[in-house]
Amino acid sequence: MPNNFSEPDWKILSRLKPLALDRLCQHILQESGSIITRGQQGRQHDSYLDLYRHIHESDETMSRCFDDFKRSQALVILTNWRLEKLITDEEFAAFSPDTRTIVAMLQKRR
């Protein structure tokens, strides 16, 4: 896929990165807390295994969304952010129409 990510869109993505990262971390920590709370009701080993799986899956999500943060990967990153609901519709609307169209097509493929 050719890189159709414009400089203005890259600046928006870069500006949103800390916010998206914070949102993902918040989600991961909230779910971790829920798993831990459930574990306090008994079956500690099962809760530990649930937490371990959650952290492993969360690491994979974190990697898909934030590793290799460079302009050539921007469309993939933005698509992953949308799939994980890390940016709002209003924030997404700030991107160019071309970028929004490509991301929407990529989302449908996943």
PDB file of N, CA and C in Angstrom:
ATOM      1  N   MET A   1       0.839  -1.174   0.000  1.00  0.00           N
ATOM      2  CA  MET A   1       0.000   0.000   0.000  1.00  0.00           C
ATOM      3  C   MET A   1       0.890   1.245   0.000  1.00  0.00           C
ATOM      4  N   PRO A   2       0.657   2.166  -0.894  1.00  0.00           N
ATOM      5  CA  PRO A   2       1.457   3.382  -0.908  1.00  0.00           C
ATOM      6  C   PRO A   2       1.171   4.221   0.333  1.00  0.00           C
ATOM      7  N   ASN A   3       2.160   4.995   0.721  1.00  0.00           N
ATOM      8  CA  ASN A   3       1.983   5.849   1.886  1.00  0.00           C
ATOM      9  C   ASN A   3       1.253   7.122   1.473  1.00  0.00           C
ATOM     10  N   ASN A   4      -0.014   7.196   1.843  1.00  0.00           N
ATOM     11  CA  ASN A   4      -0.841   8.360   1.515  1.00  0.00           C
ATOM     12  C   ASN A   4      -1.050   9.248   2.728  1.00  0.00           C
ATOM     13  N   PHE A   5      -0.157   9.185   3.678  1.00  0.00           N
ATOM     14  CA  PHE A   5      -0.355   9.920   4.922  1.00  0.00           C
ATOM     15  C   PHE A   5       0.308  11.281   4.826  1.00  0.00           C
ATOM     16  N   SER A   6      -0.508  12.310   4.814  1.00  0.00           N
ATOM     17  CA  SER A   6      -0.007  13.673   4.619  1.00  0.00           C
ATOM     18  C   SER A   6       0.694  14.190   5.873  1.00  0.00           C
ATOM     19  N   GLU A   7       1.484  15.218   5.680  1.00  0.00           N
ATOM     20  CA  GLU A   7       2.178  15.852   6.808  1.00  0.00           C
ATOM     21  C   GLU A   7       1.199  16.404   7.843  1.00  0.00           C
ATOM     22  N   PRO A   8       0.117  17.112   7.433  1.00  0.00           N
ATOM     23  CA  PRO A   8      -0.844  17.583   8.439  1.00  0.00           C
ATOM     24  C   PRO A   8      -1.478  16.432   9.230  1.00  0.00           C
ATOM     25  N   ASP A   9      -1.793  15.330   8.551  1.00  0.00           N
ATOM     26  CA  ASP A   9      -2.357  14.177   9.254  1.00  0.00           C
ATOM     27  C   ASP A   9      -1.344  13.566  10.224  1.00  0.00           C
ATOM     28  N   TRP A  10      -0.085  13.522   9.820  1.00  0.00           N
ATOM     29  CA  TRP A  10       0.957  12.999  10.694  1.00  0.00           C
ATOM     30  C   TRP A  10       1.081  13.844  11.963  1.00  0.00           C
ATOM     31  N   LYS A  11       0.964  15.144  11.820  1.00  0.00           N
ATOM     32  CA  LYS A  11       1.029  16.035  12.984  1.00  0.00           C
ATOM     33  C   LYS A  11      -0.148  15.777  13.928  1.00  0.00           C
ATOM     34  N   ILE A  12      -1.327  15.537  13.379  1.00  0.00           N
ATOM     35  CA  ILE A  12      -2.498  15.223  14.206  1.00  0.00           C
ATOM     36  C   ILE A  12      -2.274  13.903  14.932  1.00  0.00           C
ATOM     37  N   LEU A  13      -1.817  12.892  14.202  1.00  0.00           N
ATOM     38  CA  LEU A  13      -1.572  11.583  14.808  1.00  0.00           C
ATOM     39  C   LEU A  13      -0.538  11.695  15.936  1.00  0.00           C
ATOM     40  N   SER A  14       0.522  12.421  15.687  1.00  0.00           N
ATOM     41  CA  SER A  14       1.572  12.591  16.690  1.00  0.00           C
ATOM     42  C   SER A  14       1.052  13.321  17.923  1.00  0.00           C
ATOM     43  N   ARG A  15       0.201  14.290  17.705  1.00  0.00           N
ATOM     44  CA  ARG A  15      -0.388  15.034  18.821  1.00  0.00           C
ATOM     45  C   ARG A  15      -1.324  14.154  19.647  1.00  0.00           C
ATOM     46  N   LEU A  16      -2.038  13.238  18.977  1.00  0.00           N
ATOM     47  CA  LEU A  16      -2.988  12.371  19.664  1.00  0.00           C
ATOM     48  C   LEU A  16      -2.326  11.167  20.344  1.00  0.00           C
ATOM     49  N   LYS A  17      -1.095  10.874  20.008  1.00  0.00           N
ATOM     50  CA  LYS A  17      -0.428   9.675  20.536  1.00  0.00           C
ATOM     51  C   LYS A  17      -0.452   9.595  22.070  1.00  0.00           C
ATOM     52  N   PRO A  18      -0.059  10.640  22.802  1.00  0.00           N
ATOM     53  CA  PRO A  18      -0.077  10.513  24.267  1.00  0.00           C
ATOM     54  C   PRO A  18      -1.485  10.261  24.826  1.00  0.00           C
ATOM     55  N   LEU A  19      -2.481  10.865  24.220  1.00  0.00           N
ATOM     56  CA  LEU A  19      -3.861  10.678  24.658  1.00  0.00           C
ATOM     57  C   LEU A  19      -4.329   9.250  24.390  1.00  0.00           C
ATOM     58  N   ALA A  20      -4.034   8.737  23.200  1.00  0.00           N
ATOM     59  CA  ALA A  20      -4.421   7.364  22.860  1.00  0.00           C
ATOM     60  C   ALA A  20      -3.703   6.362  23.762  1.00  0.00           C
ATOM     61  N   LEU A  21      -2.432   6.601  24.021  1.00  0.00           N
ATOM     62  CA  LEU A  21      -1.666   5.722  24.901  1.00  0.00           C
ATOM     63  C   LEU A  21      -2.257   5.728  26.310  1.00  0.00           C
ATOM     64  N   ASP A  22      -2.596   6.887  26.805  1.00  0.00           N
ATOM     65  CA  ASP A  22      -3.194   6.996  28.137  1.00  0.00           C
ATOM     66  C   ASP A  22      -4.529   6.254  28.201  1.00  0.00           C
ATOM     67  N   ARG A  23      -5.328   6.378  27.159  1.00  0.00           N
ATOM     68  CA  ARG A  23      -6.617   5.686  27.135  1.00  0.00           C
ATOM     69  C   ARG A  23      -6.449   4.174  27.131  1.00  0.00           C
ATOM     70  N   LEU A  24      -5.492   3.678  26.354  1.00  0.00           N
ATOM     71  CA  LEU A  24      -5.269   2.238  26.336  1.00  0.00           C
ATOM     72  C   LEU A  24      -4.779   1.760  27.704  1.00  0.00           C
ATOM     73  N   CYS A  25      -3.847   2.475  28.287  1.00  0.00           N
ATOM     74  CA  CYS A  25      -3.355   2.100  29.618  1.00  0.00           C
ATOM     75  C   CYS A  25      -4.480   2.118  30.645  1.00  0.00           C
ATOM     76  N   GLN A  26      -5.331   3.116  30.581  1.00  0.00           N
ATOM     77  CA  GLN A  26      -6.462   3.197  31.506  1.00  0.00           C
ATOM     78  C   GLN A  26      -7.366   1.977  31.361  1.00  0.00           C
ATOM     79  N   HIS A  27      -7.647   1.599  30.136  1.00  0.00           N
ATOM     80  CA  HIS A  27      -8.494   0.429  29.885  1.00  0.00           C
ATOM     81  C   HIS A  27      -7.831  -0.847  30.425  1.00  0.00           C
ATOM     82  N   ILE A  28      -6.560  -1.011  30.155  1.00  0.00           N
ATOM     83  CA  ILE A  28      -5.829  -2.191  30.615  1.00  0.00           C
ATOM     84  C   ILE A  28      -5.833  -2.257  32.141  1.00  0.00           C
ATOM     85  N   LEU A  29      -5.564  -1.132  32.782  1.00  0.00           N
ATOM     86  CA  LEU A  29      -5.524  -1.114  34.240  1.00  0.00           C
ATOM     87  C   LEU A  29      -6.899  -1.344  34.862  1.00  0.00           C
ATOM     88  N   GLN A  30      -7.932  -0.788  34.263  1.00  0.00           N
ATOM     89  CA  GLN A  30      -9.293  -1.027  34.780  1.00  0.00           C
ATOM     90  C   GLN A  30      -9.659  -2.505  34.698  1.00  0.00           C
ATOM     91  N   GLU A  31      -9.367  -3.121  33.563  1.00  0.00           N
ATOM     92  CA  GLU A  31      -9.673  -4.540  33.416  1.00  0.00           C
ATOM     93  C   GLU A  31      -8.817  -5.379  34.368  1.00  0.00           C
ATOM     94  N   SER A  32      -7.562  -4.994  34.556  1.00  0.00           N
ATOM     95  CA  SER A  32      -6.696  -5.699  35.512  1.00  0.00           C
ATOM     96  C   SER A  32      -7.281  -5.616  36.912  1.00  0.00           C
ATOM     97  N   GLY A  33      -7.760  -4.433  37.279  1.00  0.00           N
ATOM     98  CA  GLY A  33      -8.384  -4.261  38.593  1.00  0.00           C
ATOM     99  C   GLY A  33      -9.610  -5.133  38.766  1.00  0.00           C
ATOM    100  N   SER A  34     -10.400  -5.242  37.722  1.00  0.00           N
ATOM    101  CA  SER A  34     -11.586  -6.107  37.779  1.00  0.00           C
ATOM    102  C   SER A  34     -11.193  -7.568  37.972  1.00  0.00           C
ATOM    103  N   ILE A  35     -10.171  -7.987  37.284  1.00  0.00           N
ATOM    104  CA  ILE A  35      -9.697  -9.372  37.413  1.00  0.00           C
ATOM    105  C   ILE A  35      -9.198  -9.614  38.837  1.00  0.00           C
ATOM    106  N   ILE A  36      -8.453  -8.671  39.377  1.00  0.00           N
ATOM    107  CA  ILE A  36      -7.929  -8.802  40.739  1.00  0.00           C
ATOM    108  C   ILE A  36      -9.068  -8.833  41.756  1.00  0.00           C
ATOM    109  N   THR A  37     -10.054  -7.969  41.585  1.00  0.00           N
ATOM    110  CA  THR A  37     -11.198  -7.938  42.488  1.00  0.00           C
ATOM    111  C   THR A  37     -11.948  -9.260  42.469  1.00  0.00           C
ATOM    112  N   ARG A  38     -12.152  -9.804  41.296  1.00  0.00           N
ATOM    113  CA  ARG A  38     -12.819 -11.112  41.199  1.00  0.00           C
ATOM    114  C   ARG A  38     -11.997 -12.179  41.916  1.00  0.00           C
ATOM    115  N   GLY A  39     -10.685 -12.049  41.860  1.00  0.00           N
ATOM    116  CA  GLY A  39      -9.804 -13.015  42.499  1.00  0.00           C
ATOM    117  C   GLY A  39      -9.880 -12.984  44.010  1.00  0.00           C
ATOM    118  N   GLN A  40     -10.261 -11.857  44.570  1.00  0.00           N
ATOM    119  CA  GLN A  40     -10.370 -11.747  46.025  1.00  0.00           C
ATOM    120  C   GLN A  40     -11.556 -12.540  46.557  1.00  0.00           C
ATOM    121  N   GLN A  41     -12.383 -13.030  45.663  1.00  0.00           N
ATOM    122  CA  GLN A  41     -13.557 -13.805  46.051  1.00  0.00           C
ATOM    123  C   GLN A  41     -13.257 -15.305  46.023  1.00  0.00           C
ATOM    124  N   GLY A  42     -12.021 -15.672  45.862  1.00  0.00           N
ATOM    125  CA  GLY A  42     -11.636 -17.083  45.846  1.00  0.00           C
ATOM    126  C   GLY A  42     -10.982 -17.471  44.540  1.00  0.00           C
ATOM    127  N   ARG A  43     -10.453 -18.684  44.509  1.00  0.00           N
ATOM    128  CA  ARG A  43      -9.820 -19.241  43.319  1.00  0.00           C
ATOM    129  C   ARG A  43      -8.696 -18.328  42.812  1.00  0.00           C
ATOM    130  N   GLN A  44      -7.762 -18.070  43.681  1.00  0.00           N
ATOM    131  CA  GLN A  44      -6.673 -17.144  43.390  1.00  0.00           C
ATOM    132  C   GLN A  44      -5.863 -17.552  42.163  1.00  0.00           C
ATOM    133  N   HIS A  45      -5.608 -18.821  42.010  1.00  0.00           N
ATOM    134  CA  HIS A  45      -4.794 -19.254  40.874  1.00  0.00           C
ATOM    135  C   HIS A  45      -5.496 -18.975  39.554  1.00  0.00           C
ATOM    136  N   ASP A  46      -6.809 -19.205  39.498  1.00  0.00           N
ATOM    137  CA  ASP A  46      -7.558 -18.894  38.276  1.00  0.00           C
ATOM    138  C   ASP A  46      -7.484 -17.402  37.963  1.00  0.00           C
ATOM    139  N   SER A  47      -7.576 -16.583  38.998  1.00  0.00           N
ATOM    140  CA  SER A  47      -7.482 -15.137  38.789  1.00  0.00           C
ATOM    141  C   SER A  47      -6.104 -14.737  38.295  1.00  0.00           C
ATOM    142  N   TYR A  48      -5.083 -15.365  38.865  1.00  0.00           N
ATOM    143  CA  TYR A  48      -3.724 -15.097  38.405  1.00  0.00           C
ATOM    144  C   TYR A  48      -3.588 -15.439  36.921  1.00  0.00           C
ATOM    145  N   LEU A  49      -4.101 -16.601  36.522  1.00  0.00           N
ATOM    146  CA  LEU A  49      -4.022 -17.006  35.120  1.00  0.00           C
ATOM    147  C   LEU A  49      -4.800 -16.043  34.224  1.00  0.00           C
ATOM    148  N   ASP A  50      -5.966 -15.598  34.679  1.00  0.00           N
ATOM    149  CA  ASP A  50      -6.744 -14.608  33.920  1.00  0.00           C
ATOM    150  C   ASP A  50      -5.954 -13.309  33.765  1.00  0.00           C
ATOM    151  N   LEU A  51      -5.328 -12.864  34.850  1.00  0.00           N
ATOM    152  CA  LEU A  51      -4.540 -11.626  34.801  1.00  0.00           C
ATOM    153  C   LEU A  51      -3.336 -11.794  33.875  1.00  0.00           C
ATOM    154  N   TYR A  52      -2.684 -12.933  33.942  1.00  0.00           N
ATOM    155  CA  TYR A  52      -1.542 -13.208  33.064  1.00  0.00           C
ATOM    156  C   TYR A  52      -1.965 -13.148  31.600  1.00  0.00           C
ATOM    157  N   ARG A  53      -3.075 -13.803  31.259  1.00  0.00           N
ATOM    158  CA  ARG A  53      -3.575 -13.777  29.869  1.00  0.00           C
ATOM    159  C   ARG A  53      -3.932 -12.353  29.448  1.00  0.00           C
ATOM    160  N   HIS A  54      -4.578 -11.633  30.349  1.00  0.00           N
ATOM    161  CA  HIS A  54      -4.970 -10.249  30.051  1.00  0.00           C
ATOM    162  C   HIS A  54      -3.737  -9.390  29.754  1.00  0.00           C
ATOM    163  N   ILE A  55      -2.712  -9.496  30.578  1.00  0.00           N
ATOM    164  CA  ILE A  55      -1.502  -8.704  30.366  1.00  0.00           C
ATOM    165  C   ILE A  55      -0.823  -9.101  29.050  1.00  0.00           C
ATOM    166  N   HIS A  56      -0.767 -10.386  28.779  1.00  0.00           N
ATOM    167  CA  HIS A  56      -0.164 -10.854  27.516  1.00  0.00           C
ATOM    168  C   HIS A  56      -0.933 -10.288  26.310  1.00  0.00           C
ATOM    169  N   GLU A  57      -2.244 -10.396  26.331  1.00  0.00           N
ATOM    170  CA  GLU A  57      -3.059  -9.857  25.230  1.00  0.00           C
ATOM    171  C   GLU A  57      -2.928  -8.341  25.151  1.00  0.00           C
ATOM    172  N   SER A  58      -2.849  -7.691  26.299  1.00  0.00           N
ATOM    173  CA  SER A  58      -2.705  -6.230  26.326  1.00  0.00           C
ATOM    174  C   SER A  58      -1.367  -5.798  25.744  1.00  0.00           C
ATOM    175  N   ASP A  59      -0.325  -6.575  26.017  1.00  0.00           N
ATOM    176  CA  ASP A  59       0.986  -6.270  25.430  1.00  0.00           C
ATOM    177  C   ASP A  59       0.929  -6.345  23.904  1.00  0.00           C
ATOM    178  N   GLU A  60       0.208  -7.325  23.386  1.00  0.00           N
ATOM    179  CA  GLU A  60       0.059  -7.445  21.933  1.00  0.00           C
ATOM    180  C   GLU A  60      -0.701  -6.242  21.364  1.00  0.00           C
ATOM    181  N   THR A  61      -1.757  -5.833  22.060  1.00  0.00           N
ATOM    182  CA  THR A  61      -2.519  -4.655  21.622  1.00  0.00           C
ATOM    183  C   THR A  61      -1.641  -3.413  21.665  1.00  0.00           C
ATOM    184  N   MET A  62      -0.893  -3.254  22.753  1.00  0.00           N
ATOM    185  CA  MET A  62       0.002  -2.103  22.895  1.00  0.00           C
ATOM    186  C   MET A  62       1.001  -2.077  21.745  1.00  0.00           C
ATOM    187  N   SER A  63       1.542  -3.220  21.409  1.00  0.00           N
ATOM    188  CA  SER A  63       2.506  -3.304  20.318  1.00  0.00           C
ATOM    189  C   SER A  63       1.875  -2.910  18.984  1.00  0.00           C
ATOM    190  N   ARG A  64       0.687  -3.439  18.693  1.00  0.00           N
ATOM    191  CA  ARG A  64       0.002  -3.107  17.433  1.00  0.00           C
ATOM    192  C   ARG A  64      -0.290  -1.614  17.331  1.00  0.00           C
ATOM    193  N   CYS A  65      -0.574  -0.995  18.451  1.00  0.00           N
ATOM    194  CA  CYS A  65      -1.010   0.405  18.430  1.00  0.00           C
ATOM    195  C   CYS A  65       0.122   1.428  18.531  1.00  0.00           C
ATOM    196  N   PHE A  66       1.269   1.020  19.105  1.00  0.00           N
ATOM    197  CA  PHE A  66       2.280   2.046  19.388  1.00  0.00           C
ATOM    198  C   PHE A  66       3.704   1.705  18.974  1.00  0.00           C
ATOM    199  N   ASP A  67       4.015   0.446  18.731  1.00  0.00           N
ATOM    200  CA  ASP A  67       5.364   0.118  18.268  1.00  0.00           C
ATOM    201  C   ASP A  67       5.508   0.562  16.811  1.00  0.00           C
ATOM    202  N   ASP A  68       6.717   0.823  16.428  1.00  0.00           N
ATOM    203  CA  ASP A  68       7.008   1.197  15.042  1.00  0.00           C
ATOM    204  C   ASP A  68       6.242   2.457  14.628  1.00  0.00           C
ATOM    205  N   PHE A  69       6.216   3.430  15.549  1.00  0.00           N
ATOM    206  CA  PHE A  69       5.490   4.680  15.309  1.00  0.00           C
ATOM    207  C   PHE A  69       6.283   5.551  14.344  1.00  0.00           C
ATOM    208  N   LYS A  70       5.976   5.379  13.066  1.00  0.00           N
ATOM    209  CA  LYS A  70       6.603   6.194  12.035  1.00  0.00           C
ATOM    210  C   LYS A  70       5.570   6.437  10.937  1.00  0.00           C
ATOM    211  N   ARG A  71       5.856   7.424  10.153  1.00  0.00           N
ATOM    212  CA  ARG A  71       4.877   7.870   9.157  1.00  0.00           C
ATOM    213  C   ARG A  71       4.491   6.772   8.165  1.00  0.00           C
ATOM    214  N   SER A  72       5.417   5.921   7.805  1.00  0.00           N
ATOM    215  CA  SER A  72       5.105   4.851   6.855  1.00  0.00           C
ATOM    216  C   SER A  72       4.116   3.837   7.435  1.00  0.00           C
ATOM    217  N   GLN A  73       3.957   3.808   8.741  1.00  0.00           N
ATOM    218  CA  GLN A  73       3.023   2.895   9.399  1.00  0.00           C
ATOM    219  C   GLN A  73       1.782   3.610   9.935  1.00  0.00           C
ATOM    220  N   ALA A  74       1.652   4.879   9.623  1.00  0.00           N
ATOM    221  CA  ALA A  74       0.604   5.712  10.223  1.00  0.00           C
ATOM    222  C   ALA A  74      -0.816   5.211   9.937  1.00  0.00           C
ATOM    223  N   LEU A  75      -1.064   4.754   8.723  1.00  0.00           N
ATOM    224  CA  LEU A  75      -2.415   4.267   8.405  1.00  0.00           C
ATOM    225  C   LEU A  75      -2.769   3.025   9.216  1.00  0.00           C
ATOM    226  N   VAL A  76      -1.814   2.150   9.378  1.00  0.00           N
ATOM    227  CA  VAL A  76      -2.038   0.943  10.186  1.00  0.00           C
ATOM    228  C   VAL A  76      -2.251   1.328  11.645  1.00  0.00           C
ATOM    229  N   ILE A  77      -1.423   2.216  12.145  1.00  0.00           N
ATOM    230  CA  ILE A  77      -1.555   2.665  13.536  1.00  0.00           C
ATOM    231  C   ILE A  77      -2.910   3.311  13.766  1.00  0.00           C
ATOM    232  N   LEU A  78      -3.295   4.226  12.898  1.00  0.00           N
ATOM    233  CA  LEU A  78      -4.575   4.908  13.053  1.00  0.00           C
ATOM    234  C   LEU A  78      -5.735   3.924  12.966  1.00  0.00           C
ATOM    235  N   THR A  79      -5.641   2.963  12.078  1.00  0.00           N
ATOM    236  CA  THR A  79      -6.679   1.930  11.979  1.00  0.00           C
ATOM    237  C   THR A  79      -6.778   1.151  13.294  1.00  0.00           C
ATOM    238  N   ASN A  80      -5.641   0.779  13.857  1.00  0.00           N
ATOM    239  CA  ASN A  80      -5.656   0.060  15.134  1.00  0.00           C
ATOM    240  C   ASN A  80      -6.228   0.914  16.256  1.00  0.00           C
ATOM    241  N   TRP A  81      -5.911   2.179  16.261  1.00  0.00           N
ATOM    242  CA  TRP A  81      -6.490   3.072  17.274  1.00  0.00           C
ATOM    243  C   TRP A  81      -8.007   3.114  17.161  1.00  0.00           C
ATOM    244  N   ARG A  82      -8.502   3.165  15.939  1.00  0.00           N
ATOM    245  CA  ARG A  82      -9.948   3.186  15.738  1.00  0.00           C
ATOM    246  C   ARG A  82     -10.577   1.871  16.194  1.00  0.00           C
ATOM    247  N   LEU A  83      -9.944   0.759  15.840  1.00  0.00           N
ATOM    248  CA  LEU A  83     -10.474  -0.551  16.237  1.00  0.00           C
ATOM    249  C   LEU A  83     -10.492  -0.705  17.756  1.00  0.00           C
ATOM    250  N   GLU A  84      -9.529  -0.121  18.430  1.00  0.00           N
ATOM    251  CA  GLU A  84      -9.454  -0.208  19.895  1.00  0.00           C
ATOM    252  C   GLU A  84     -10.206   0.933  20.586  1.00  0.00           C
ATOM    253  N   LYS A  85     -10.808   1.820  19.787  1.00  0.00           N
ATOM    254  CA  LYS A  85     -11.565   2.967  20.320  1.00  0.00           C
ATOM    255  C   LYS A  85     -10.691   3.886  21.194  1.00  0.00           C
ATOM    256  N   LEU A  86      -9.494   4.153  20.711  1.00  0.00           N
ATOM    257  CA  LEU A  86      -8.561   4.995  21.450  1.00  0.00           C
ATOM    258  C   LEU A  86      -8.664   6.473  21.096  1.00  0.00           C
ATOM    259  N   ILE A  87      -9.384   6.788  20.024  1.00  0.00           N
ATOM    260  CA  ILE A  87      -9.663   8.182  19.689  1.00  0.00           C
ATOM    261  C   ILE A  87     -11.161   8.310  19.428  1.00  0.00           C
ATOM    262  N   THR A  88     -11.665   9.476  19.690  1.00  0.00           N
ATOM    263  CA  THR A  88     -13.096   9.726  19.515  1.00  0.00           C
ATOM    264  C   THR A  88     -13.421   9.997  18.047  1.00  0.00           C
ATOM    265  N   ASP A  89     -14.692   9.962  17.728  1.00  0.00           N
ATOM    266  CA  ASP A  89     -15.125  10.306  16.372  1.00  0.00           C
ATOM    267  C   ASP A  89     -14.734  11.739  16.031  1.00  0.00           C
ATOM    268  N   GLU A  90     -14.822  12.625  17.012  1.00  0.00           N
ATOM    269  CA  GLU A  90     -14.457  14.025  16.783  1.00  0.00           C
ATOM    270  C   GLU A  90     -12.964  14.154  16.479  1.00  0.00           C
ATOM    271  N   GLU A  91     -12.141  13.415  17.205  1.00  0.00           N
ATOM    272  CA  GLU A  91     -10.704  13.452  16.945  1.00  0.00           C
ATOM    273  C   GLU A  91     -10.396  12.856  15.573  1.00  0.00           C
ATOM    274  N   PHE A  92     -11.064  11.785  15.225  1.00  0.00           N
ATOM    275  CA  PHE A  92     -10.870  11.161  13.913  1.00  0.00           C
ATOM    276  C   PHE A  92     -11.285  12.112  12.793  1.00  0.00           C
ATOM    277  N   ALA A  93     -12.307  12.905  13.016  1.00  0.00           N
ATOM    278  CA  ALA A  93     -12.812  13.830  12.002  1.00  0.00           C
ATOM    279  C   ALA A  93     -11.781  14.904  11.639  1.00  0.00           C
ATOM    280  N   ALA A  94     -10.769  15.095  12.469  1.00  0.00           N
ATOM    281  CA  ALA A  94      -9.744  16.104  12.178  1.00  0.00           C
ATOM    282  C   ALA A  94      -8.809  15.664  11.050  1.00  0.00           C
ATOM    283  N   PHE A  95      -8.774  14.369  10.749  1.00  0.00           N
ATOM    284  CA  PHE A  95      -7.921  13.873   9.675  1.00  0.00           C
ATOM    285  C   PHE A  95      -8.541  14.191   8.319  1.00  0.00           C
ATOM    286  N   SER A  96      -7.727  14.167   7.297  1.00  0.00           N
ATOM    287  CA  SER A  96      -8.194  14.486   5.943  1.00  0.00           C
ATOM    288  C   SER A  96      -9.218  13.452   5.471  1.00  0.00           C
ATOM    289  N   PRO A  97     -10.095  13.842   4.554  1.00  0.00           N
ATOM    290  CA  PRO A  97     -11.068  12.892   4.014  1.00  0.00           C
ATOM    291  C   PRO A  97     -10.411  11.646   3.412  1.00  0.00           C
ATOM    292  N   ASP A  98      -9.296  11.819   2.715  1.00  0.00           N
ATOM    293  CA  ASP A  98      -8.608  10.662   2.122  1.00  0.00           C
ATOM    294  C   ASP A  98      -8.157   9.678   3.203  1.00  0.00           C
ATOM    295  N   THR A  99      -7.566  10.190   4.253  1.00  0.00           N
ATOM    296  CA  THR A  99      -7.102   9.325   5.343  1.00  0.00           C
ATOM    297  C   THR A  99      -8.272   8.623   6.001  1.00  0.00           C
ATOM    298  N   ARG A 100      -9.348   9.349   6.267  1.00  0.00           N
ATOM    299  CA  ARG A 100     -10.529   8.738   6.898  1.00  0.00           C
ATOM    300  C   ARG A 100     -11.103   7.628   6.024  1.00  0.00           C
ATOM    301  N   THR A 101     -11.117   7.834   4.713  1.00  0.00           N
ATOM    302  CA  THR A 101     -11.644   6.816   3.788  1.00  0.00           C
ATOM    303  C   THR A 101     -10.781   5.564   3.807  1.00  0.00           C
ATOM    304  N   ILE A 102      -9.475   5.742   3.747  1.00  0.00           N
ATOM    305  CA  ILE A 102      -8.567   4.582   3.748  1.00  0.00           C
ATOM    306  C   ILE A 102      -8.675   3.820   5.071  1.00  0.00           C
ATOM    307  N   VAL A 103      -8.718   4.530   6.170  1.00  0.00           N
ATOM    308  CA  VAL A 103      -8.824   3.880   7.477  1.00  0.00           C
ATOM    309  C   VAL A 103     -10.146   3.123   7.586  1.00  0.00           C
ATOM    310  N   ALA A 104     -11.212   3.712   7.099  1.00  0.00           N
ATOM    311  CA  ALA A 104     -12.510   3.018   7.128  1.00  0.00           C
ATOM    312  C   ALA A 104     -12.451   1.721   6.321  1.00  0.00           C
ATOM    313  N   MET A 105     -11.787   1.752   5.175  1.00  0.00           N
ATOM    314  CA  MET A 105     -11.649   0.534   4.368  1.00  0.00           C
ATOM    315  C   MET A 105     -10.802  -0.511   5.099  1.00  0.00           C
ATOM    316  N   LEU A 106      -9.736  -0.079   5.728  1.00  0.00           N
ATOM    317  CA  LEU A 106      -8.877  -1.005   6.471  1.00  0.00           C
ATOM    318  C   LEU A 106      -9.614  -1.619   7.662  1.00  0.00           C
ATOM    319  N   GLN A 107     -10.435  -0.841   8.300  1.00  0.00           N
ATOM    320  CA  GLN A 107     -11.206  -1.339   9.439  1.00  0.00           C
ATOM    321  C   GLN A 107     -12.150  -2.465   9.001  1.00  0.00           C
ATOM    322  N   LYS A 108     -12.742  -2.322   7.838  1.00  0.00           N
ATOM    323  CA  LYS A 108     -13.680  -3.332   7.350  1.00  0.00           C
ATOM    324  C   LYS A 108     -12.986  -4.657   7.049  1.00  0.00           C
ATOM    325  N   ARG A 109     -11.694  -4.599   6.738  1.00  0.00           N
ATOM    326  CA  ARG A 109     -10.938  -5.819   6.423  1.00  0.00           C
ATOM    327  C   ARG A 109     -10.605  -6.626   7.661  1.00  0.00           C
ATOM    328  N   ARG A 110     -10.676  -6.008   8.814  1.00  0.00           N
ATOM    329  CA  ARG A 110     -10.253  -6.694  10.058  1.00  0.00           C
ATOM    330  C   ARG A 110     -11.414  -7.206  10.827  1.00  0.00           C
TER     331      ARG A 110
END
